């Protein structure tokens, strides 16, 4: 019953936000509806979001740890960011439509021939949206630590575009993180339904950490190492 009620609320919220999104686009007005929609989805799913730290006032490329599907609406609701996503999502009609509404950049990670084009798309999205988020681990983890960051996912930032800061984010699900995590052989739909079935609201803290310095952005490998160390340090302080 809880899953059904939450799914119904999500559909209703979509029916409210989608027409307003297209109306804002047609009128060429500021369009807050992707952020409001995704933030609403996070709330409906049970997330209780708080923010610590300050997001860069400049354009920002946000590098976040990845625990579950809930990460995306949580970060989007807190920042209004667009995302870099695997091109496989574009094969699913509804997901593709929702992603495109939020200016998602699809990348084919294993197609080296398209890297140059993908870099151009990422840089254009940064200019258009002001913020773009990537999950440098390349997959989800159980939240107890961090997988190695894949520097190849940061190719568009080598060198960083002018006026763009690179800022790590730590998503902190607290002591219940293992129950939220999407890992192992669990299907994405199973993780989605598992979270919707929870009866308690889930606190999630979005920690904005210090942006990378000039010395830490000399190349993509340096960025990956520095961002991962920022997040690991924040996790260690919390423990």
C-alpha atoms as a PDB file:
ATOM      1  CA  UNK A   1       0.000   0.000   0.000  1.00  0.00           C
ATOM      2  CA  UNK A   2       2.826   2.395   0.848  1.00  0.00           C
ATOM      3  CA  UNK A   3       4.497   1.761  -2.507  1.00  0.00           C
ATOM      4  CA  UNK A   4       1.212   2.304  -4.331  1.00  0.00           C
ATOM      5  CA  UNK A   5       0.480   5.580  -2.568  1.00  0.00           C
ATOM      6  CA  UNK A   6       3.957   6.913  -3.252  1.00  0.00           C
ATOM      7  CA  UNK A   7       3.830   5.912  -6.908  1.00  0.00           C
ATOM      8  CA  UNK A   8       0.441   7.613  -7.262  1.00  0.00           C
ATOM      9  CA  UNK A   9       1.812  10.761  -5.634  1.00  0.00           C
ATOM     10  CA  UNK A  10       4.782  10.745  -8.035  1.00  0.00           C
ATOM     11  CA  UNK A  11       2.521  10.433 -11.056  1.00  0.00           C
ATOM     12  CA  UNK A  12       0.289  13.232  -9.795  1.00  0.00           C
ATOM     13  CA  UNK A  13       3.322  15.443  -9.183  1.00  0.00           C
ATOM     14  CA  UNK A  14       4.546  14.739 -12.720  1.00  0.00           C
ATOM     15  CA  UNK A  15       1.143  15.705 -14.133  1.00  0.00           C
ATOM     16  CA  UNK A  16       1.386  19.005 -12.264  1.00  0.00           C
ATOM     17  CA  UNK A  17       4.984  19.822 -13.192  1.00  0.00           C
ATOM     18  CA  UNK A  18       5.174  18.711 -16.844  1.00  0.00           C
ATOM     19  CA  UNK A  19       2.665  21.251 -18.266  1.00  0.00           C
ATOM     20  CA  UNK A  20       4.243  24.036 -16.235  1.00  0.00           C
ATOM     21  CA  UNK A  21       7.684  22.993 -17.524  1.00  0.00           C
ATOM     22  CA  UNK A  22       6.562  23.225 -21.161  1.00  0.00           C
ATOM     23  CA  UNK A  23       4.676  26.472 -20.539  1.00  0.00           C
ATOM     24  CA  UNK A  24       7.821  28.036 -19.074  1.00  0.00           C
ATOM     25  CA  UNK A  25       9.868  26.842 -22.045  1.00  0.00           C
ATOM     26  CA  UNK A  26       7.402  28.229 -24.564  1.00  0.00           C
ATOM     27  CA  UNK A  27       7.316  31.569 -22.772  1.00  0.00           C
ATOM     28  CA  UNK A  28      11.133  31.527 -22.453  1.00  0.00           C
ATOM     29  CA  UNK A  29      10.833  32.145 -18.744  1.00  0.00           C
ATOM     30  CA  UNK A  30      13.127  30.849 -15.992  1.00  0.00           C
ATOM     31  CA  UNK A  31      12.270  27.182 -15.626  1.00  0.00           C
ATOM     32  CA  UNK A  32      12.480  25.890 -12.046  1.00  0.00           C
ATOM     33  CA  UNK A  33      10.225  22.901 -12.716  1.00  0.00           C
ATOM     34  CA  UNK A  34      12.871  20.168 -13.233  1.00  0.00           C
ATOM     35  CA  UNK A  35      14.394  21.080  -9.875  1.00  0.00           C
ATOM     36  CA  UNK A  36      11.013  21.281  -8.153  1.00  0.00           C
ATOM     37  CA  UNK A  37       9.863  18.024  -9.710  1.00  0.00           C
ATOM     38  CA  UNK A  38      12.960  16.060  -8.712  1.00  0.00           C
ATOM     39  CA  UNK A  39      13.051  17.594  -5.252  1.00  0.00           C
ATOM     40  CA  UNK A  40       9.408  16.580  -4.866  1.00  0.00           C
ATOM     41  CA  UNK A  41      10.200  13.029  -5.984  1.00  0.00           C
ATOM     42  CA  UNK A  42      12.912  12.795  -3.320  1.00  0.00           C
ATOM     43  CA  UNK A  43      10.456  13.972  -0.665  1.00  0.00           C
ATOM     44  CA  UNK A  44       7.700  11.613  -1.807  1.00  0.00           C
ATOM     45  CA  UNK A  45      10.199   8.742  -1.701  1.00  0.00           C
ATOM     46  CA  UNK A  46      10.833   9.561   1.953  1.00  0.00           C
ATOM     47  CA  UNK A  47      14.025  11.614   1.818  1.00  0.00           C
ATOM     48  CA  UNK A  48      14.442  14.341   4.424  1.00  0.00           C
ATOM     49  CA  UNK A  49      17.164  16.487   2.886  1.00  0.00           C
ATOM     50  CA  UNK A  50      19.451  18.921   4.662  1.00  0.00           C
ATOM     51  CA  UNK A  51      22.402  20.835   3.233  1.00  0.00           C
ATOM     52  CA  UNK A  52      25.751  21.548   4.829  1.00  0.00           C
ATOM     53  CA  UNK A  53      28.404  23.749   3.296  1.00  0.00           C
ATOM     54  CA  UNK A  54      28.003  26.164   0.420  1.00  0.00           C
ATOM     55  CA  UNK A  55      27.660  25.459  -3.262  1.00  0.00           C
ATOM     56  CA  UNK A  56      29.946  27.487  -5.489  1.00  0.00           C
ATOM     57  CA  UNK A  57      28.374  30.728  -6.694  1.00  0.00           C
ATOM     58  CA  UNK A  58      30.093  30.185 -10.035  1.00  0.00           C
ATOM     59  CA  UNK A  59      29.236  27.520 -12.532  1.00  0.00           C
ATOM     60  CA  UNK A  60      30.026  24.188 -10.924  1.00  0.00           C
ATOM     61  CA  UNK A  61      30.897  20.663 -11.953  1.00  0.00           C
ATOM     62  CA  UNK A  62      29.797  18.567  -8.977  1.00  0.00           C
ATOM     63  CA  UNK A  63      31.489  15.243  -8.195  1.00  0.00           C
ATOM     64  CA  UNK A  64      29.407  13.044  -5.894  1.00  0.00           C
ATOM     65  CA  UNK A  65      29.512   9.620  -4.315  1.00  0.00           C
ATOM     66  CA  UNK A  66      26.820   7.259  -5.569  1.00  0.00           C
ATOM     67  CA  UNK A  67      24.640   5.096  -3.308  1.00  0.00           C
ATOM     68  CA  UNK A  68      21.223   4.640  -4.969  1.00  0.00           C
ATOM     69  CA  UNK A  69      18.774   6.052  -7.519  1.00  0.00           C
ATOM     70  CA  UNK A  70      17.614   8.451  -4.806  1.00  0.00           C
ATOM     71  CA  UNK A  71      20.906  10.366  -5.138  1.00  0.00           C
ATOM     72  CA  UNK A  72      19.702  12.020  -8.335  1.00  0.00           C
ATOM     73  CA  UNK A  73      16.465  13.631  -7.081  1.00  0.00           C
ATOM     74  CA  UNK A  74      18.179  14.548  -3.799  1.00  0.00           C
ATOM     75  CA  UNK A  75      21.049  16.404  -5.510  1.00  0.00           C
ATOM     76  CA  UNK A  76      18.796  17.943  -8.173  1.00  0.00           C
ATOM     77  CA  UNK A  77      16.355  19.216  -5.574  1.00  0.00           C
ATOM     78  CA  UNK A  78      19.183  20.754  -3.562  1.00  0.00           C
ATOM     79  CA  UNK A  79      21.061  22.331  -6.473  1.00  0.00           C
ATOM     80  CA  UNK A  80      19.057  22.388  -9.711  1.00  0.00           C
ATOM     81  CA  UNK A  81      21.905  20.554 -11.416  1.00  0.00           C
ATOM     82  CA  UNK A  82      21.776  18.537 -14.601  1.00  0.00           C
ATOM     83  CA  UNK A  83      23.554  15.169 -14.779  1.00  0.00           C
ATOM     84  CA  UNK A  84      25.939  13.133 -16.867  1.00  0.00           C
ATOM     85  CA  UNK A  85      24.311   9.724 -17.428  1.00  0.00           C
ATOM     86  CA  UNK A  86      25.174   6.493 -19.202  1.00  0.00           C
ATOM     87  CA  UNK A  87      23.758   6.344 -22.727  1.00  0.00           C
ATOM     88  CA  UNK A  88      21.896   3.140 -21.819  1.00  0.00           C
ATOM     89  CA  UNK A  89      19.270   5.250 -20.046  1.00  0.00           C
ATOM     90  CA  UNK A  90      18.337   6.739 -23.407  1.00  0.00           C
ATOM     91  CA  UNK A  91      16.995   3.321 -24.412  1.00  0.00           C
ATOM     92  CA  UNK A  92      14.117   3.642 -21.927  1.00  0.00           C
ATOM     93  CA  UNK A  93      11.428   5.978 -23.226  1.00  0.00           C
ATOM     94  CA  UNK A  94      10.070   7.413 -19.977  1.00  0.00           C
ATOM     95  CA  UNK A  95      13.503   7.711 -18.352  1.00  0.00           C
ATOM     96  CA  UNK A  96      14.917   9.360 -21.473  1.00  0.00           C
ATOM     97  CA  UNK A  97      12.078  11.908 -21.523  1.00  0.00           C
ATOM     98  CA  UNK A  98      12.533  12.747 -17.840  1.00  0.00           C
ATOM     99  CA  UNK A  99      16.307  12.988 -18.254  1.00  0.00           C
ATOM    100  CA  UNK A 100      15.996  15.291 -21.258  1.00  0.00           C
ATOM    101  CA  UNK A 101      13.693  17.600 -19.325  1.00  0.00           C
ATOM    102  CA  UNK A 102      16.562  18.042 -16.858  1.00  0.00           C
ATOM    103  CA  UNK A 103      19.172  18.617 -19.628  1.00  0.00           C
ATOM    104  CA  UNK A 104      20.913  15.306 -18.961  1.00  0.00           C
ATOM    105  CA  UNK A 105      24.065  14.665 -20.997  1.00  0.00           C
ATOM    106  CA  UNK A 106      24.218  11.056 -22.217  1.00  0.00           C
ATOM    107  CA  UNK A 107      27.674   9.559 -22.646  1.00  0.00           C
ATOM    108  CA  UNK A 108      28.767   6.263 -24.177  1.00  0.00           C
ATOM    109  CA  UNK A 109      31.578   5.327 -21.841  1.00  0.00           C
ATOM    110  CA  UNK A 110      32.950   2.541 -24.036  1.00  0.00           C
ATOM    111  CA  UNK A 111      32.795   4.358 -27.378  1.00  0.00           C
ATOM    112  CA  UNK A 112      36.137   6.107 -27.699  1.00  0.00           C
ATOM    113  CA  UNK A 113      35.196   7.473 -31.117  1.00  0.00           C
ATOM    114  CA  UNK A 114      32.547   9.715 -29.572  1.00  0.00           C
ATOM    115  CA  UNK A 115      34.660  11.140 -26.739  1.00  0.00           C
ATOM    116  CA  UNK A 116      35.313  14.491 -28.451  1.00  0.00           C
ATOM    117  CA  UNK A 117      31.595  15.008 -29.193  1.00  0.00           C
ATOM    118  CA  UNK A 118      30.661  14.035 -25.639  1.00  0.00           C
ATOM    119  CA  UNK A 119      33.168  16.516 -24.204  1.00  0.00           C
ATOM    120  CA  UNK A 120      31.543  19.257 -26.287  1.00  0.00           C
ATOM    121  CA  UNK A 121      28.071  18.274 -25.009  1.00  0.00           C
ATOM    122  CA  UNK A 122      29.224  18.363 -21.397  1.00  0.00           C
ATOM    123  CA  UNK A 123      30.808  21.785 -21.792  1.00  0.00           C
ATOM    124  CA  UNK A 124      27.671  23.122 -23.485  1.00  0.00           C
ATOM    125  CA  UNK A 125      25.515  21.779 -20.657  1.00  0.00           C
ATOM    126  CA  UNK A 126      27.729  23.460 -18.087  1.00  0.00           C
ATOM    127  CA  UNK A 127      27.258  26.751 -19.901  1.00  0.00           C
ATOM    128  CA  UNK A 128      23.475  26.311 -20.223  1.00  0.00           C
ATOM    129  CA  UNK A 129      22.576  24.969 -16.771  1.00  0.00           C
ATOM    130  CA  UNK A 130      25.330  26.402 -14.569  1.00  0.00           C
ATOM    131  CA  UNK A 131      25.812  23.063 -12.809  1.00  0.00           C
ATOM    132  CA  UNK A 132      26.421  19.504 -13.903  1.00  0.00           C
ATOM    133  CA  UNK A 133      26.871  16.441 -11.700  1.00  0.00           C
ATOM    134  CA  UNK A 134      28.793  13.258 -12.370  1.00  0.00           C
ATOM    135  CA  UNK A 135      29.287  10.171 -10.220  1.00  0.00           C
ATOM    136  CA  UNK A 136      33.004   9.439 -10.752  1.00  0.00           C
ATOM    137  CA  UNK A 137      32.798   5.957  -9.223  1.00  0.00           C
ATOM    138  CA  UNK A 138      30.863   4.997 -12.346  1.00  0.00           C
ATOM    139  CA  UNK A 139      28.484   2.819 -10.325  1.00  0.00           C
ATOM    140  CA  UNK A 140      26.803   2.645  -6.928  1.00  0.00           C
ATOM    141  CA  UNK A 141      28.438   1.351  -3.744  1.00  0.00           C
ATOM    142  CA  UNK A 142      27.304   0.305  -0.283  1.00  0.00           C
ATOM    143  CA  UNK A 143      28.008   3.726   1.215  1.00  0.00           C
ATOM    144  CA  UNK A 144      30.608   2.498   3.721  1.00  0.00           C
ATOM    145  CA  UNK A 145      33.470   3.815   1.588  1.00  0.00           C
ATOM    146  CA  UNK A 146      34.312   5.005  -1.898  1.00  0.00           C
ATOM    147  CA  UNK A 147      35.224   3.085  -5.009  1.00  0.00           C
ATOM    148  CA  UNK A 148      38.142   4.451  -7.077  1.00  0.00           C
ATOM    149  CA  UNK A 149      37.172   7.499  -9.126  1.00  0.00           C
ATOM    150  CA  UNK A 150      37.382   6.963 -12.892  1.00  0.00           C
ATOM    151  CA  UNK A 151      39.305   9.875 -14.319  1.00  0.00           C
ATOM    152  CA  UNK A 152      37.958   9.093 -17.800  1.00  0.00           C
ATOM    153  CA  UNK A 153      34.586  10.458 -16.651  1.00  0.00           C
ATOM    154  CA  UNK A 154      36.276  13.822 -16.105  1.00  0.00           C
ATOM    155  CA  UNK A 155      37.632  14.190 -19.642  1.00  0.00           C
ATOM    156  CA  UNK A 156      35.441  17.242 -20.295  1.00  0.00           C
ATOM    157  CA  UNK A 157      37.213  19.045 -17.467  1.00  0.00           C
ATOM    158  CA  UNK A 158      40.731  18.605 -18.770  1.00  0.00           C
ATOM    159  CA  UNK A 159      41.361  21.512 -18.791  1.00  0.00           C
ATOM    160  CA  UNK A 160      38.473  22.954 -16.728  1.00  0.00           C
ATOM    161  CA  UNK A 161      36.236  25.367 -18.684  1.00  0.00           C
ATOM    162  CA  UNK A 162      36.715  29.021 -17.786  1.00  0.00           C
ATOM    163  CA  UNK A 163      34.548  30.178 -14.894  1.00  0.00           C
ATOM    164  CA  UNK A 164      33.704  26.633 -13.765  1.00  0.00           C
ATOM    165  CA  UNK A 165      34.611  25.358 -10.316  1.00  0.00           C
ATOM    166  CA  UNK A 166      34.947  21.661  -9.546  1.00  0.00           C
ATOM    167  CA  UNK A 167      33.280  20.870  -6.239  1.00  0.00           C
ATOM    168  CA  UNK A 168      33.014  17.480  -4.502  1.00  0.00           C
ATOM    169  CA  UNK A 169      29.768  16.484  -2.765  1.00  0.00           C
ATOM    170  CA  UNK A 170      29.302  13.849  -0.101  1.00  0.00           C
ATOM    171  CA  UNK A 171      25.816  12.345   0.164  1.00  0.00           C
ATOM    172  CA  UNK A 172      25.432  11.120   3.743  1.00  0.00           C
ATOM    173  CA  UNK A 173      22.584   8.688   4.404  1.00  0.00           C
ATOM    174  CA  UNK A 174      23.648   8.155   8.011  1.00  0.00           C
ATOM    175  CA  UNK A 175      23.577   4.767   9.755  1.00  0.00           C
ATOM    176  CA  UNK A 176      20.885   3.396   7.418  1.00  0.00           C
ATOM    177  CA  UNK A 177      23.036   3.731   4.311  1.00  0.00           C
ATOM    178  CA  UNK A 178      23.354  -0.033   3.776  1.00  0.00           C
ATOM    179  CA  UNK A 179      19.561  -0.312   3.592  1.00  0.00           C
ATOM    180  CA  UNK A 180      19.443   2.368   0.900  1.00  0.00           C
ATOM    181  CA  UNK A 181      22.371   1.172  -1.200  1.00  0.00           C
ATOM    182  CA  UNK A 182      21.921  -0.349  -4.645  1.00  0.00           C
ATOM    183  CA  UNK A 183      24.745  -2.886  -4.895  1.00  0.00           C
ATOM    184  CA  UNK A 184      25.553  -6.402  -6.025  1.00  0.00           C
ATOM    185  CA  UNK A 185      23.004  -8.230  -8.145  1.00  0.00           C
ATOM    186  CA  UNK A 186      20.025  -6.151  -7.003  1.00  0.00           C
ATOM    187  CA  UNK A 187      17.931  -4.934  -9.921  1.00  0.00           C
ATOM    188  CA  UNK A 188      17.366  -1.193 -10.188  1.00  0.00           C
ATOM    189  CA  UNK A 189      13.599  -1.644  -9.964  1.00  0.00           C
ATOM    190  CA  UNK A 190      14.023  -3.684  -6.786  1.00  0.00           C
ATOM    191  CA  UNK A 191      16.071  -0.900  -5.201  1.00  0.00           C
ATOM    192  CA  UNK A 192      13.468   1.651  -6.274  1.00  0.00           C
ATOM    193  CA  UNK A 193      10.611  -0.330  -4.718  1.00  0.00           C
ATOM    194  CA  UNK A 194      12.610  -1.171  -1.602  1.00  0.00           C
ATOM    195  CA  UNK A 195      13.095   2.509  -0.829  1.00  0.00           C
ATOM    196  CA  UNK A 196       9.445   3.342  -1.538  1.00  0.00           C
ATOM    197  CA  UNK A 197       8.380   0.605   0.881  1.00  0.00           C
ATOM    198  CA  UNK A 198      10.256   2.073   3.860  1.00  0.00           C
ATOM    199  CA  UNK A 199       7.979   3.415   6.549  1.00  0.00           C
ATOM    200  CA  UNK A 200      10.458   5.843   8.099  1.00  0.00           C
ATOM    201  CA  UNK A 201      11.649   9.034   6.447  1.00  0.00           C
ATOM    202  CA  UNK A 202      15.310   8.835   5.481  1.00  0.00           C
ATOM    203  CA  UNK A 203      17.603  11.716   6.517  1.00  0.00           C
ATOM    204  CA  UNK A 204      20.054  12.626   3.754  1.00  0.00           C
ATOM    205  CA  UNK A 205      22.677  15.332   4.190  1.00  0.00           C
ATOM    206  CA  UNK A 206      24.206  16.939   1.108  1.00  0.00           C
ATOM    207  CA  UNK A 207      27.687  18.078   2.124  1.00  0.00           C
ATOM    208  CA  UNK A 208      29.171  20.702  -0.199  1.00  0.00           C
ATOM    209  CA  UNK A 209      32.930  20.380   0.246  1.00  0.00           C
ATOM    210  CA  UNK A 210      35.650  22.867  -0.659  1.00  0.00           C
ATOM    211  CA  UNK A 211      36.092  23.308  -4.436  1.00  0.00           C
ATOM    212  CA  UNK A 212      39.298  21.947  -5.926  1.00  0.00           C
ATOM    213  CA  UNK A 213      42.218  24.357  -6.078  1.00  0.00           C
ATOM    214  CA  UNK A 214      44.113  25.284  -9.226  1.00  0.00           C
ATOM    215  CA  UNK A 215      46.914  22.877  -8.281  1.00  0.00           C
ATOM    216  CA  UNK A 216      44.356  20.072  -7.942  1.00  0.00           C
ATOM    217  CA  UNK A 217      42.929  20.607 -11.431  1.00  0.00           C
ATOM    218  CA  UNK A 218      46.098  20.314 -13.514  1.00  0.00           C
ATOM    219  CA  UNK A 219      44.728  17.164 -15.171  1.00  0.00           C
ATOM    220  CA  UNK A 220      41.820  14.759 -14.822  1.00  0.00           C
ATOM    221  CA  UNK A 221      43.754  12.214 -12.758  1.00  0.00           C
ATOM    222  CA  UNK A 222      44.706  14.897 -10.241  1.00  0.00           C
ATOM    223  CA  UNK A 223      41.058  15.999 -10.081  1.00  0.00           C
ATOM    224  CA  UNK A 224      39.834  12.444  -9.469  1.00  0.00           C
ATOM    225  CA  UNK A 225      42.336  11.877  -6.666  1.00  0.00           C
ATOM    226  CA  UNK A 226      41.722  15.241  -4.984  1.00  0.00           C
ATOM    227  CA  UNK A 227      37.917  14.965  -5.125  1.00  0.00           C
ATOM    228  CA  UNK A 228      37.953  11.438  -3.729  1.00  0.00           C
ATOM    229  CA  UNK A 229      40.262  12.490  -0.883  1.00  0.00           C
ATOM    230  CA  UNK A 230      37.907  15.388  -0.028  1.00  0.00           C
ATOM    231  CA  UNK A 231      34.948  13.044   0.297  1.00  0.00           C
ATOM    232  CA  UNK A 232      36.913  10.401   2.232  1.00  0.00           C
ATOM    233  CA  UNK A 233      38.100  13.089   4.659  1.00  0.00           C
ATOM    234  CA  UNK A 234      34.517  14.273   5.219  1.00  0.00           C
ATOM    235  CA  UNK A 235      33.392  10.691   5.873  1.00  0.00           C
ATOM    236  CA  UNK A 236      36.235  10.170   8.348  1.00  0.00           C
ATOM    237  CA  UNK A 237      35.343  13.345  10.258  1.00  0.00           C
ATOM    238  CA  UNK A 238      31.721  12.204  10.613  1.00  0.00           C
ATOM    239  CA  UNK A 239      32.779   8.883  12.091  1.00  0.00           C
END
